[in-house]
Amino acid sequence: VIQEFGYDLSRSCDEIRPDYHHDESCQKTVPEAITAFLEGKDFE
C-alpha cells in the first residue's frame, strides 16, 4: 500500500484517534481504515 498508493501508514490507531474527525474523503478515510485492519488482532 505504501509503495503503490503512497498512503501514510506510520501512525497507530492511538495516534490517529484523538484528533480524527468526520471526513468523507478517500485520503482521510482509507488510510485510517487500513490502519485499523493492520492493528486488529481478529475480525471483531
PDB file of all heavy atoms in Angstrom:
ATOM      1  N   VAL A   1       0.835  -1.208   0.000  1.00  0.00           N
ATOM      2  CA  VAL A   1       0.000   0.000   0.000  1.00  0.00           C
ATOM      3  C   VAL A   1       0.867   1.254   0.000  1.00  0.00           C
ATOM      4  O   VAL A   1       0.609   2.206  -0.752  1.00  0.00           O
ATOM      5  CB  VAL A   1      -0.943  -0.008   1.216  1.00  0.00           C
ATOM      6  CG1 VAL A   1      -1.635   1.344   1.376  1.00  0.00           C
ATOM      7  CG2 VAL A   1      -1.981  -1.112   1.075  1.00  0.00           C
ATOM      8  N   ILE A   2       1.904   1.271   0.811  1.00  0.00           N
ATOM      9  CA  ILE A   2       2.793   2.434   0.866  1.00  0.00           C
ATOM     10  C   ILE A   2       3.481   2.643  -0.477  1.00  0.00           C
ATOM     11  O   ILE A   2       3.537   3.764  -1.000  1.00  0.00           O
ATOM     12  CB  ILE A   2       3.829   2.258   1.995  1.00  0.00           C
ATOM     13  CG1 ILE A   2       3.144   2.286   3.367  1.00  0.00           C
ATOM     14  CG2 ILE A   2       4.910   3.336   1.903  1.00  0.00           C
ATOM     15  CD1 ILE A   2       4.050   1.867   4.508  1.00  0.00           C
ATOM     16  N   GLN A   3       3.980   1.565  -1.042  1.00  0.00           N
ATOM     17  CA  GLN A   3       4.718   1.656  -2.298  1.00  0.00           C
ATOM     18  C   GLN A   3       3.829   2.036  -3.477  1.00  0.00           C
ATOM     19  O   GLN A   3       4.189   2.896  -4.291  1.00  0.00           O
ATOM     20  CB  GLN A   3       5.401   0.322  -2.588  1.00  0.00           C
ATOM     21  CG  GLN A   3       6.150   0.271  -3.929  1.00  0.00           C
ATOM     22  CD  GLN A   3       6.771  -1.097  -4.173  1.00  0.00           C
ATOM     23  OE1 GLN A   3       7.245  -1.742  -3.240  1.00  0.00           O
ATOM     24  NE2 GLN A   3       6.760  -1.534  -5.420  1.00  0.00           N
ATOM     25  N   GLU A   4       2.665   1.414  -3.565  1.00  0.00           N
ATOM     26  CA  GLU A   4       1.807   1.594  -4.741  1.00  0.00           C
ATOM     27  C   GLU A   4       0.896   2.818  -4.647  1.00  0.00           C
ATOM     28  O   GLU A   4       0.563   3.424  -5.666  1.00  0.00           O
ATOM     29  CB  GLU A   4       0.951   0.344  -4.943  1.00  0.00           C
ATOM     30  CG  GLU A   4       1.742  -0.884  -5.333  1.00  0.00           C
ATOM     31  CD  GLU A   4       2.370  -0.746  -6.714  1.00  0.00           C
ATOM     32  OE1 GLU A   4       1.676  -0.285  -7.646  1.00  0.00           O
ATOM     33  OE2 GLU A   4       3.564  -1.098  -6.853  1.00  0.00           O
ATOM     34  N   PHE A   5       0.490   3.179  -3.448  1.00  0.00           N
ATOM     35  CA  PHE A   5      -0.514   4.238  -3.305  1.00  0.00           C
ATOM     36  C   PHE A   5      -0.031   5.448  -2.511  1.00  0.00           C
ATOM     37  O   PHE A   5      -0.703   6.478  -2.491  1.00  0.00           O
ATOM     38  CB  PHE A   5      -1.785   3.666  -2.672  1.00  0.00           C
ATOM     39  CG  PHE A   5      -2.377   2.523  -3.456  1.00  0.00           C
ATOM     40  CD1 PHE A   5      -2.258   1.214  -3.012  1.00  0.00           C
ATOM     41  CD2 PHE A   5      -3.013   2.750  -4.676  1.00  0.00           C
ATOM     42  CE1 PHE A   5      -2.781   0.158  -3.736  1.00  0.00           C
ATOM     43  CE2 PHE A   5      -3.539   1.700  -5.414  1.00  0.00           C
ATOM     44  CZ  PHE A   5      -3.419   0.397  -4.949  1.00  0.00           C
ATOM     45  N   GLY A   6       1.099   5.315  -1.853  1.00  0.00           N
ATOM     46  CA  GLY A   6       1.679   6.453  -1.158  1.00  0.00           C
ATOM     47  C   GLY A   6       0.947   6.890   0.096  1.00  0.00           C
ATOM     48  O   GLY A   6       1.167   8.004   0.581  1.00  0.00           O
ATOM     49  N   TYR A   7       0.091   6.049   0.642  1.00  0.00           N
ATOM     50  CA  TYR A   7      -0.602   6.408   1.874  1.00  0.00           C
ATOM     51  C   TYR A   7       0.364   6.378   3.060  1.00  0.00           C
ATOM     52  O   TYR A   7       1.248   5.517   3.136  1.00  0.00           O
ATOM     53  CB  TYR A   7      -1.755   5.449   2.152  1.00  0.00           C
ATOM     54  CG  TYR A   7      -2.983   5.642   1.305  1.00  0.00           C
ATOM     55  CD1 TYR A   7      -3.712   4.545   0.840  1.00  0.00           C
ATOM     56  CD2 TYR A   7      -3.443   6.914   0.966  1.00  0.00           C
ATOM     57  CE1 TYR A   7      -4.864   4.699   0.079  1.00  0.00           C
ATOM     58  CE2 TYR A   7      -4.597   7.082   0.198  1.00  0.00           C
ATOM     59  CZ  TYR A   7      -5.292   5.978  -0.238  1.00  0.00           C
ATOM     60  OH  TYR A   7      -6.436   6.134  -0.996  1.00  0.00           O
ATOM     61  N   ASP A   8       0.160   7.291   3.979  1.00  0.00           N
ATOM     62  CA  ASP A   8       0.947   7.336   5.210  1.00  0.00           C
ATOM     63  C   ASP A   8       0.322   6.380   6.222  1.00  0.00           C
ATOM     64  O   ASP A   8      -0.757   6.644   6.747  1.00  0.00           O
ATOM     65  CB  ASP A   8       0.972   8.763   5.759  1.00  0.00           C
ATOM     66  CG  ASP A   8       1.742   8.870   7.078  1.00  0.00           C
ATOM     67  OD1 ASP A   8       2.389   7.870   7.476  1.00  0.00           O
ATOM     68  OD2 ASP A   8       1.698   9.948   7.694  1.00  0.00           O
ATOM     69  N   LEU A   9       1.006   5.288   6.486  1.00  0.00           N
ATOM     70  CA  LEU A   9       0.521   4.303   7.448  1.00  0.00           C
ATOM     71  C   LEU A   9       1.424   4.258   8.675  1.00  0.00           C
ATOM     72  O   LEU A   9       1.502   3.243   9.367  1.00  0.00           O
ATOM     73  CB  LEU A   9       0.436   2.915   6.796  1.00  0.00           C
ATOM     74  CG  LEU A   9      -0.465   2.799   5.570  1.00  0.00           C
ATOM     75  CD1 LEU A   9      -0.451   1.376   5.024  1.00  0.00           C
ATOM     76  CD2 LEU A   9      -1.893   3.236   5.876  1.00  0.00           C
ATOM     77  N   SER A  10       2.074   5.358   8.950  1.00  0.00           N
ATOM     78  CA  SER A  10       3.041   5.395  10.044  1.00  0.00           C
ATOM     79  C   SER A  10       2.396   5.592  11.406  1.00  0.00           C
ATOM     80  O   SER A  10       3.004   5.285  12.433  1.00  0.00           O
ATOM     81  CB  SER A  10       4.067   6.508   9.809  1.00  0.00           C
ATOM     82  OG  SER A  10       3.438   7.788   9.827  1.00  0.00           O
ATOM     83  N   ARG A  11       1.173   6.112  11.444  1.00  0.00           N
ATOM     84  CA  ARG A  11       0.531   6.382  12.729  1.00  0.00           C
ATOM     85  C   ARG A  11      -0.255   5.167  13.210  1.00  0.00           C
ATOM     86  O   ARG A  11      -0.843   4.440  12.419  1.00  0.00           O
ATOM     87  CB  ARG A  11      -0.413   7.579  12.616  1.00  0.00           C
ATOM     88  CG  ARG A  11       0.270   8.899  12.281  1.00  0.00           C
ATOM     89  CD  ARG A  11      -0.750  10.028  12.247  1.00  0.00           C
ATOM     90  NE  ARG A  11      -1.783   9.785  11.253  1.00  0.00           N
ATOM     91  CZ  ARG A  11      -2.989  10.367  11.258  1.00  0.00           C
ATOM     92  NH1 ARG A  11      -3.311  11.213  12.235  1.00  0.00           N
ATOM     93  NH2 ARG A  11      -3.861  10.108  10.315  1.00  0.00           N
ATOM     94  N   SER A  12      -0.284   4.979  14.508  1.00  0.00           N
ATOM     95  CA  SER A  12      -1.096   3.933  15.114  1.00  0.00           C
ATOM     96  C   SER A  12      -2.516   4.448  15.321  1.00  0.00           C
ATOM     97  O   SER A  12      -2.784   5.651  15.228  1.00  0.00           O
ATOM     98  CB  SER A  12      -0.508   3.522  16.464  1.00  0.00           C
ATOM     99  OG  SER A  12      -0.633   4.597  17.387  1.00  0.00           O
ATOM    100  N   CYS A  13      -3.424   3.541  15.649  1.00  0.00           N
ATOM    101  CA  CYS A  13      -4.791   3.966  15.967  1.00  0.00           C
ATOM    102  C   CYS A  13      -4.791   4.919  17.164  1.00  0.00           C
ATOM    103  O   CYS A  13      -5.555   5.888  17.187  1.00  0.00           O
ATOM    104  CB  CYS A  13      -5.669   2.749  16.259  1.00  0.00           C
ATOM    105  SG  CYS A  13      -6.143   1.807  14.789  1.00  0.00           S
ATOM    106  N   ASP A  14      -3.956   4.642  18.146  1.00  0.00           N
ATOM    107  CA  ASP A  14      -3.889   5.522  19.315  1.00  0.00           C
ATOM    108  C   ASP A  14      -3.433   6.924  18.939  1.00  0.00           C
ATOM    109  O   ASP A  14      -3.858   7.910  19.560  1.00  0.00           O
ATOM    110  CB  ASP A  14      -2.935   4.945  20.362  1.00  0.00           C
ATOM    111  CG  ASP A  14      -3.543   3.768  21.116  1.00  0.00           C
ATOM    112  OD1 ASP A  14      -4.780   3.599  21.049  1.00  0.00           O
ATOM    113  OD2 ASP A  14      -2.781   3.030  21.772  1.00  0.00           O
ATOM    114  N   GLU A  15      -2.596   7.023  17.935  1.00  0.00           N
ATOM    115  CA  GLU A  15      -2.121   8.335  17.482  1.00  0.00           C
ATOM    116  C   GLU A  15      -3.152   9.034  16.610  1.00  0.00           C
ATOM    117  O   GLU A  15      -3.260  10.264  16.605  1.00  0.00           O
ATOM    118  CB  GLU A  15      -0.802   8.183  16.729  1.00  0.00           C
ATOM    119  CG  GLU A  15       0.364   7.787  17.615  1.00  0.00           C
ATOM    120  CD  GLU A  15       1.609   7.410  16.838  1.00  0.00           C
ATOM    121  OE1 GLU A  15       1.485   6.746  15.787  1.00  0.00           O
ATOM    122  OE2 GLU A  15       2.712   7.781  17.280  1.00  0.00           O
ATOM    123  N   ILE A  16      -3.931   8.272  15.852  1.00  0.00           N
ATOM    124  CA  ILE A  16      -4.953   8.846  14.972  1.00  0.00           C
ATOM    125  C   ILE A  16      -6.145   9.350  15.785  1.00  0.00           C
ATOM    126  O   ILE A  16      -6.669  10.445  15.554  1.00  0.00           O
ATOM    127  CB  ILE A  16      -5.436   7.801  13.950  1.00  0.00           C
ATOM    128  CG1 ILE A  16      -4.315   7.441  12.972  1.00  0.00           C
ATOM    129  CG2 ILE A  16      -6.673   8.303  13.195  1.00  0.00           C
ATOM    130  CD1 ILE A  16      -4.617   6.214  12.133  1.00  0.00           C
ATOM    131  N   ARG A  17      -6.563   8.562  16.752  1.00  0.00           N
ATOM    132  CA  ARG A  17      -7.852   8.725  17.434  1.00  0.00           C
ATOM    133  C   ARG A  17      -8.129  10.117  18.020  1.00  0.00           C
ATOM    134  O   ARG A  17      -9.213  10.673  17.791  1.00  0.00           O
ATOM    135  CB  ARG A  17      -7.979   7.648  18.514  1.00  0.00           C
ATOM    136  CG  ARG A  17      -9.372   7.439  19.048  1.00  0.00           C
ATOM    137  CD  ARG A  17      -9.393   6.282  20.040  1.00  0.00           C
ATOM    138  NE  ARG A  17      -9.220   4.993  19.406  1.00  0.00           N
ATOM    139  CZ  ARG A  17      -8.152   4.202  19.549  1.00  0.00           C
ATOM    140  NH1 ARG A  17      -7.143   4.583  20.328  1.00  0.00           N
ATOM    141  NH2 ARG A  17      -8.090   3.038  18.939  1.00  0.00           N
ATOM    142  N   PRO A  18      -7.201  10.722  18.757  1.00  0.00           N
ATOM    143  CA  PRO A  18      -7.554  11.962  19.473  1.00  0.00           C
ATOM    144  C   PRO A  18      -8.011  13.115  18.580  1.00  0.00           C
ATOM    145  O   PRO A  18      -8.935  13.848  18.945  1.00  0.00           O
ATOM    146  CB  PRO A  18      -6.257  12.319  20.214  1.00  0.00           C
ATOM    147  CG  PRO A  18      -5.532  11.022  20.354  1.00  0.00           C
ATOM    148  CD  PRO A  18      -5.840  10.268  19.104  1.00  0.00           C
ATOM    149  N   ASP A  19      -7.384  13.294  17.448  1.00  0.00           N
ATOM    150  CA  ASP A  19      -7.670  14.461  16.604  1.00  0.00           C
ATOM    151  C   ASP A  19      -8.434  14.121  15.331  1.00  0.00           C
ATOM    152  O   ASP A  19      -8.634  14.988  14.481  1.00  0.00           O
ATOM    153  CB  ASP A  19      -6.356  15.166  16.230  1.00  0.00           C
ATOM    154  CG  ASP A  19      -5.604  15.665  17.446  1.00  0.00           C
ATOM    155  OD1 ASP A  19      -6.258  16.188  18.368  1.00  0.00           O
ATOM    156  OD2 ASP A  19      -4.366  15.512  17.480  1.00  0.00           O
ATOM    157  N   TYR A  20      -8.871  12.877  15.212  1.00  0.00           N
ATOM    158  CA  TYR A  20      -9.544  12.456  13.986  1.00  0.00           C
ATOM    159  C   TYR A  20     -11.029  12.777  14.065  1.00  0.00           C
ATOM    160  O   TYR A  20     -11.702  12.445  15.039  1.00  0.00           O
ATOM    161  CB  TYR A  20      -9.341  10.955  13.772  1.00  0.00           C
ATOM    162  CG  TYR A  20      -9.882  10.447  12.460  1.00  0.00           C
ATOM    163  CD1 TYR A  20      -9.359  10.877  11.249  1.00  0.00           C
ATOM    164  CD2 TYR A  20     -10.934   9.530  12.433  1.00  0.00           C
ATOM    165  CE1 TYR A  20      -9.860  10.405  10.046  1.00  0.00           C
ATOM    166  CE2 TYR A  20     -11.437   9.055  11.245  1.00  0.00           C
ATOM    167  CZ  TYR A  20     -10.893   9.500  10.048  1.00  0.00           C
ATOM    168  OH  TYR A  20     -11.396   9.036   8.859  1.00  0.00           O
ATOM    169  N   HIS A  21     -11.536  13.432  13.037  1.00  0.00           N
ATOM    170  CA  HIS A  21     -12.944  13.828  12.997  1.00  0.00           C
ATOM    171  C   HIS A  21     -13.554  13.461  11.648  1.00  0.00           C
ATOM    172  O   HIS A  21     -12.865  13.010  10.737  1.00  0.00           O
ATOM    173  CB  HIS A  21     -13.069  15.336  13.254  1.00  0.00           C
ATOM    174  CG  HIS A  21     -12.565  15.751  14.596  1.00  0.00           C
ATOM    175  ND1 HIS A  21     -13.209  15.409  15.768  1.00  0.00           N
ATOM    176  CD2 HIS A  21     -11.455  16.461  14.958  1.00  0.00           C
ATOM    177  CE1 HIS A  21     -12.547  15.888  16.789  1.00  0.00           C
ATOM    178  NE2 HIS A  21     -11.467  16.528  16.335  1.00  0.00           N
ATOM    179  N   HIS A  22     -14.853  13.686  11.531  1.00  0.00           N
ATOM    180  CA  HIS A  22     -15.603  13.298  10.335  1.00  0.00           C
ATOM    181  C   HIS A  22     -14.995  13.909   9.077  1.00  0.00           C
ATOM    182  O   HIS A  22     -14.866  15.125   8.964  1.00  0.00           O
ATOM    183  CB  HIS A  22     -17.062  13.744  10.474  1.00  0.00           C
ATOM    184  CG  HIS A  22     -17.969  13.166   9.440  1.00  0.00           C
ATOM    185  ND1 HIS A  22     -18.625  11.972   9.610  1.00  0.00           N
ATOM    186  CD2 HIS A  22     -18.320  13.611   8.212  1.00  0.00           C
ATOM    187  CE1 HIS A  22     -19.353  11.711   8.531  1.00  0.00           C
ATOM    188  NE2 HIS A  22     -19.182  12.686   7.678  1.00  0.00           N
ATOM    189  N   ASP A  23     -14.620  13.055   8.148  1.00  0.00           N
ATOM    190  CA  ASP A  23     -14.040  13.487   6.872  1.00  0.00           C
ATOM    191  C   ASP A  23     -14.440  12.458   5.832  1.00  0.00           C
ATOM    192  O   ASP A  23     -14.149  11.276   5.984  1.00  0.00           O
ATOM    193  CB  ASP A  23     -12.515  13.594   6.974  1.00  0.00           C
ATOM    194  CG  ASP A  23     -11.883  14.276   5.763  1.00  0.00           C
ATOM    195  OD1 ASP A  23     -12.233  13.897   4.614  1.00  0.00           O
ATOM    196  OD2 ASP A  23     -11.045  15.170   5.950  1.00  0.00           O
ATOM    197  N   GLU A  24     -15.103  12.908   4.777  1.00  0.00           N
ATOM    198  CA  GLU A  24     -15.660  11.976   3.795  1.00  0.00           C
ATOM    199  C   GLU A  24     -14.760  11.769   2.585  1.00  0.00           C
ATOM    200  O   GLU A  24     -15.198  11.199   1.585  1.00  0.00           O
ATOM    201  CB  GLU A  24     -17.049  12.460   3.359  1.00  0.00           C
ATOM    202  CG  GLU A  24     -18.056  12.460   4.507  1.00  0.00           C
ATOM    203  CD  GLU A  24     -19.439  12.929   4.097  1.00  0.00           C
ATOM    204  OE1 GLU A  24     -19.625  13.312   2.921  1.00  0.00           O
ATOM    205  OE2 GLU A  24     -20.345  12.922   4.955  1.00  0.00           O
ATOM    206  N   SER A  25     -13.522  12.198   2.650  1.00  0.00           N
ATOM    207  CA  SER A  25     -12.605  11.997   1.537  1.00  0.00           C
ATOM    208  C   SER A  25     -11.935  10.634   1.614  1.00  0.00           C
ATOM    209  O   SER A  25     -11.769  10.068   2.709  1.00  0.00           O
ATOM    210  CB  SER A  25     -11.521  13.081   1.533  1.00  0.00           C
ATOM    211  OG  SER A  25     -10.657  12.934   2.644  1.00  0.00           O
ATOM    212  N   CYS A  26     -11.542  10.106   0.447  1.00  0.00           N
ATOM    213  CA  CYS A  26     -10.778   8.852   0.447  1.00  0.00           C
ATOM    214  C   CYS A  26      -9.472   9.012   1.207  1.00  0.00           C
ATOM    215  O   CYS A  26      -9.086   8.146   1.994  1.00  0.00           O
ATOM    216  CB  CYS A  26     -10.470   8.436  -0.996  1.00  0.00           C
ATOM    217  SG  CYS A  26     -11.737   7.423  -1.783  1.00  0.00           S
ATOM    218  N   GLN A  27      -8.792  10.131   0.967  1.00  0.00           N
ATOM    219  CA  GLN A  27      -7.458  10.295   1.537  1.00  0.00           C
ATOM    220  C   GLN A  27      -7.460  10.449   3.052  1.00  0.00           C
ATOM    221  O   GLN A  27      -6.415  10.280   3.693  1.00  0.00           O
ATOM    222  CB  GLN A  27      -6.722  11.453   0.873  1.00  0.00           C
ATOM    223  CG  GLN A  27      -7.443  12.771   0.803  1.00  0.00           C
ATOM    224  CD  GLN A  27      -8.276  12.972  -0.456  1.00  0.00           C
ATOM    225  OE1 GLN A  27      -9.007  12.069  -0.864  1.00  0.00           O
ATOM    226  NE2 GLN A  27      -8.174  14.148  -1.067  1.00  0.00           N
ATOM    227  N   LYS A  28      -8.614  10.732   3.643  1.00  0.00           N
ATOM    228  CA  LYS A  28      -8.725  10.844   5.093  1.00  0.00           C
ATOM    229  C   LYS A  28      -9.586   9.724   5.696  1.00  0.00           C
ATOM    230  O   LYS A  28      -9.993   9.808   6.859  1.00  0.00           O
ATOM    231  CB  LYS A  28      -9.311  12.202   5.482  1.00  0.00           C
ATOM    232  CG  LYS A  28      -8.398  13.378   5.188  1.00  0.00           C
ATOM    233  CD  LYS A  28      -7.153  13.371   6.061  1.00  0.00           C
ATOM    234  CE  LYS A  28      -6.328  14.633   5.854  1.00  0.00           C
ATOM    235  NZ  LYS A  28      -5.137  14.647   6.738  1.00  0.00           N
ATOM    236  N   THR A  29      -9.878   8.711   4.901  1.00  0.00           N
ATOM    237  CA  THR A  29     -10.657   7.571   5.394  1.00  0.00           C
ATOM    238  C   THR A  29      -9.964   6.243   5.117  1.00  0.00           C
ATOM    239  O   THR A  29      -9.852   5.396   6.002  1.00  0.00           O
ATOM    240  CB  THR A  29     -12.057   7.533   4.746  1.00  0.00           C
ATOM    241  OG1 THR A  29     -12.714   8.784   4.929  1.00  0.00           O
ATOM    242  CG2 THR A  29     -12.915   6.427   5.350  1.00  0.00           C
ATOM    243  N   VAL A  30      -9.489   6.055   3.893  1.00  0.00           N
ATOM    244  CA  VAL A  30      -8.901   4.767   3.518  1.00  0.00           C
ATOM    245  C   VAL A  30      -7.645   4.434   4.328  1.00  0.00           C
ATOM    246  O   VAL A  30      -7.521   3.312   4.844  1.00  0.00           O
ATOM    247  CB  VAL A  30      -8.643   4.692   2.003  1.00  0.00           C
ATOM    248  CG1 VAL A  30      -7.958   3.379   1.634  1.00  0.00           C
ATOM    249  CG2 VAL A  30      -9.954   4.834   1.219  1.00  0.00           C
ATOM    250  N   PRO A  31      -6.690   5.360   4.491  1.00  0.00           N
ATOM    251  CA  PRO A  31      -5.508   5.011   5.308  1.00  0.00           C
ATOM    252  C   PRO A  31      -5.865   4.646   6.741  1.00  0.00           C
ATOM    253  O   PRO A  31      -5.270   3.727   7.326  1.00  0.00           O
ATOM    254  CB  PRO A  31      -4.651   6.280   5.250  1.00  0.00           C
ATOM    255  CG  PRO A  31      -5.094   7.005   4.028  1.00  0.00           C
ATOM    256  CD  PRO A  31      -6.561   6.710   3.915  1.00  0.00           C
ATOM    257  N   GLU A  32      -6.834   5.352   7.316  1.00  0.00           N
ATOM    258  CA  GLU A  32      -7.263   5.059   8.680  1.00  0.00           C
ATOM    259  C   GLU A  32      -7.919   3.681   8.765  1.00  0.00           C
ATOM    260  O   GLU A  32      -7.710   2.938   9.733  1.00  0.00           O
ATOM    261  CB  GLU A  32      -8.210   6.147   9.170  1.00  0.00           C
ATOM    262  CG  GLU A  32      -7.547   7.488   9.450  1.00  0.00           C
ATOM    263  CD  GLU A  32      -7.203   8.289   8.197  1.00  0.00           C
ATOM    264  OE1 GLU A  32      -7.654   7.916   7.091  1.00  0.00           O
ATOM    265  OE2 GLU A  32      -6.488   9.303   8.317  1.00  0.00           O
ATOM    266  N   ALA A  33      -8.718   3.340   7.763  1.00  0.00           N
ATOM    267  CA  ALA A  33      -9.345   2.014   7.737  1.00  0.00           C
ATOM    268  C   ALA A  33      -8.292   0.917   7.606  1.00  0.00           C
ATOM    269  O   ALA A  33      -8.378  -0.128   8.260  1.00  0.00           O
ATOM    270  CB  ALA A  33     -10.343   1.931   6.588  1.00  0.00           C
ATOM    271  N   ILE A  34      -7.294   1.156   6.765  1.00  0.00           N
ATOM    272  CA  ILE A  34      -6.215   0.174   6.605  1.00  0.00           C
ATOM    273  C   ILE A  34      -5.458   0.013   7.916  1.00  0.00           C
ATOM    274  O   ILE A  34      -5.094  -1.101   8.308  1.00  0.00           O
ATOM    275  CB  ILE A  34      -5.277   0.593   5.458  1.00  0.00           C
ATOM    276  CG1 ILE A  34      -6.014   0.536   4.120  1.00  0.00           C
ATOM    277  CG2 ILE A  34      -4.041  -0.319   5.412  1.00  0.00           C
ATOM    278  CD1 ILE A  34      -5.227   1.107   2.949  1.00  0.00           C
ATOM    279  N   THR A  35      -5.217   1.113   8.615  1.00  0.00           N
ATOM    280  CA  THR A  35      -4.515   1.047   9.897  1.00  0.00           C
ATOM    281  C   THR A  35      -5.298   0.216  10.903  1.00  0.00           C
ATOM    282  O   THR A  35      -4.730  -0.606  11.632  1.00  0.00           O
ATOM    283  CB  THR A  35      -4.263   2.461  10.439  1.00  0.00           C
ATOM    284  OG1 THR A  35      -3.448   3.181   9.515  1.00  0.00           O
ATOM    285  CG2 THR A  35      -3.576   2.415  11.793  1.00  0.00           C
ATOM    286  N   ALA A  36      -6.613   0.427  10.980  1.00  0.00           N
ATOM    287  CA  ALA A  36      -7.441  -0.381  11.884  1.00  0.00           C
ATOM    288  C   ALA A  36      -7.348  -1.860  11.530  1.00  0.00           C
ATOM    289  O   ALA A  36      -7.247  -2.726  12.414  1.00  0.00           O
ATOM    290  CB  ALA A  36      -8.892   0.092  11.829  1.00  0.00           C
ATOM    291  N   PHE A  37      -7.358  -2.163  10.241  1.00  0.00           N
ATOM    292  CA  PHE A  37      -7.209  -3.552   9.800  1.00  0.00           C
ATOM    293  C   PHE A  37      -5.846  -4.115  10.200  1.00  0.00           C
ATOM    294  O   PHE A  37      -5.752  -5.230  10.739  1.00  0.00           O
ATOM    295  CB  PHE A  37      -7.398  -3.654   8.288  1.00  0.00           C
ATOM    296  CG  PHE A  37      -6.776  -4.876   7.684  1.00  0.00           C
ATOM    297  CD1 PHE A  37      -7.268  -6.145   7.985  1.00  0.00           C
ATOM    298  CD2 PHE A  37      -5.689  -4.774   6.830  1.00  0.00           C
ATOM    299  CE1 PHE A  37      -6.673  -7.286   7.444  1.00  0.00           C
ATOM    300  CE2 PHE A  37      -5.097  -5.903   6.289  1.00  0.00           C
ATOM    301  CZ  PHE A  37      -5.588  -7.166   6.596  1.00  0.00           C
ATOM    302  N   LEU A  38      -4.802  -3.362   9.960  1.00  0.00           N
ATOM    303  CA  LEU A  38      -3.454  -3.846  10.253  1.00  0.00           C
ATOM    304  C   LEU A  38      -3.243  -4.082  11.753  1.00  0.00           C
ATOM    305  O   LEU A  38      -2.552  -5.014  12.148  1.00  0.00           O
ATOM    306  CB  LEU A  38      -2.412  -2.855   9.729  1.00  0.00           C
ATOM    307  CG  LEU A  38      -2.313  -2.709   8.212  1.00  0.00           C
ATOM    308  CD1 LEU A  38      -1.379  -1.557   7.843  1.00  0.00           C
ATOM    309  CD2 LEU A  38      -1.836  -4.014   7.562  1.00  0.00           C
ATOM    310  N   GLU A  39      -3.847  -3.253  12.587  1.00  0.00           N
ATOM    311  CA  GLU A  39      -3.665  -3.377  14.032  1.00  0.00           C
ATOM    312  C   GLU A  39      -4.571  -4.426  14.665  1.00  0.00           C
ATOM    313  O   GLU A  39      -4.241  -4.978  15.712  1.00  0.00           O
ATOM    314  CB  GLU A  39      -3.925  -2.033  14.718  1.00  0.00           C
ATOM    315  CG  GLU A  39      -2.781  -1.067  14.614  1.00  0.00           C
ATOM    316  CD  GLU A  39      -2.905   0.074  15.609  1.00  0.00           C
ATOM    317  OE1 GLU A  39      -3.634  -0.052  16.614  1.00  0.00           O
ATOM    318  OE2 GLU A  39      -2.262   1.109  15.374  1.00  0.00           O
ATOM    319  N   GLY A  40      -5.700  -4.703  14.071  1.00  0.00           N
ATOM    320  CA  GLY A  40      -6.664  -5.616  14.683  1.00  0.00           C
ATOM    321  C   GLY A  40      -6.120  -7.017  14.861  1.00  0.00           C
ATOM    322  O   GLY A  40      -5.389  -7.521  14.011  1.00  0.00           O
ATOM    323  N   LYS A  41      -6.492  -7.640  15.962  1.00  0.00           N
ATOM    324  CA  LYS A  41      -5.982  -8.978  16.293  1.00  0.00           C
ATOM    325  C   LYS A  41      -6.849 -10.097  15.713  1.00  0.00           C
ATOM    326  O   LYS A  41      -6.412 -11.240  15.602  1.00  0.00           O
ATOM    327  CB  LYS A  41      -5.911  -9.135  17.814  1.00  0.00           C
ATOM    328  CG  LYS A  41      -5.053  -8.085  18.515  1.00  0.00           C
ATOM    329  CD  LYS A  41      -3.607  -8.138  18.046  1.00  0.00           C
ATOM    330  CE  LYS A  41      -2.704  -7.247  18.896  1.00  0.00           C
ATOM    331  NZ  LYS A  41      -3.004  -5.804  18.742  1.00  0.00           N
ATOM    332  N   ASP A  42      -8.102  -9.789  15.408  1.00  0.00           N
ATOM    333  CA  ASP A  42      -9.015 -10.739  14.783  1.00  0.00           C
ATOM    334  C   ASP A  42     -10.128  -9.916  14.136  1.00  0.00           C
ATOM    335  O   ASP A  42     -10.098  -8.686  14.165  1.00  0.00           O
ATOM    336  CB  ASP A  42      -9.566 -11.753  15.786  1.00  0.00           C
ATOM    337  CG  ASP A  42     -10.212 -11.114  17.014  1.00  0.00           C
ATOM    338  OD1 ASP A  42     -10.791 -10.008  16.886  1.00  0.00           O
ATOM    339  OD2 ASP A  42     -10.136 -11.712  18.103  1.00  0.00           O
ATOM    340  N   PHE A  43     -11.110 -10.598  13.552  1.00  0.00           N
ATOM    341  CA  PHE A  43     -12.155  -9.867  12.825  1.00  0.00           C
ATOM    342  C   PHE A  43     -12.858  -8.861  13.720  1.00  0.00           C
ATOM    343  O   PHE A  43     -12.985  -7.672  13.376  1.00  0.00           O
ATOM    344  CB  PHE A  43     -13.175 -10.846  12.232  1.00  0.00           C
ATOM    345  CG  PHE A  43     -14.300 -10.160  11.503  1.00  0.00           C
ATOM    346  CD1 PHE A  43     -14.151  -9.777  10.184  1.00  0.00           C
ATOM    347  CD2 PHE A  43     -15.500  -9.873  12.153  1.00  0.00           C
ATOM    348  CE1 PHE A  43     -15.176  -9.113   9.514  1.00  0.00           C
ATOM    349  CE2 PHE A  43     -16.524  -9.215  11.491  1.00  0.00           C
ATOM    350  CZ  PHE A  43     -16.361  -8.832  10.174  1.00  0.00           C
ATOM    351  N   GLU A  44     -13.325  -9.306  14.875  1.00  0.00           N
ATOM    352  CA  GLU A  44     -14.065  -8.410  15.752  1.00  0.00           C
ATOM    353  C   GLU A  44     -13.194  -7.254  16.235  1.00  0.00           C
ATOM    354  O   GLU A  44     -13.674  -6.113  16.343  1.00  0.00           O
ATOM    355  CB  GLU A  44     -14.626  -9.171  16.950  1.00  0.00           C
ATOM    356  CG  GLU A  44     -15.440  -8.289  17.886  1.00  0.00           C
ATOM    357  CD  GLU A  44     -16.123  -9.049  19.004  1.00  0.00           C
ATOM    358  OE1 GLU A  44     -16.294 -10.285  18.882  1.00  0.00           O
ATOM    359  OE2 GLU A  44     -16.509  -8.398  20.007  1.00  0.00           O
TER     360      GLU A  44
END
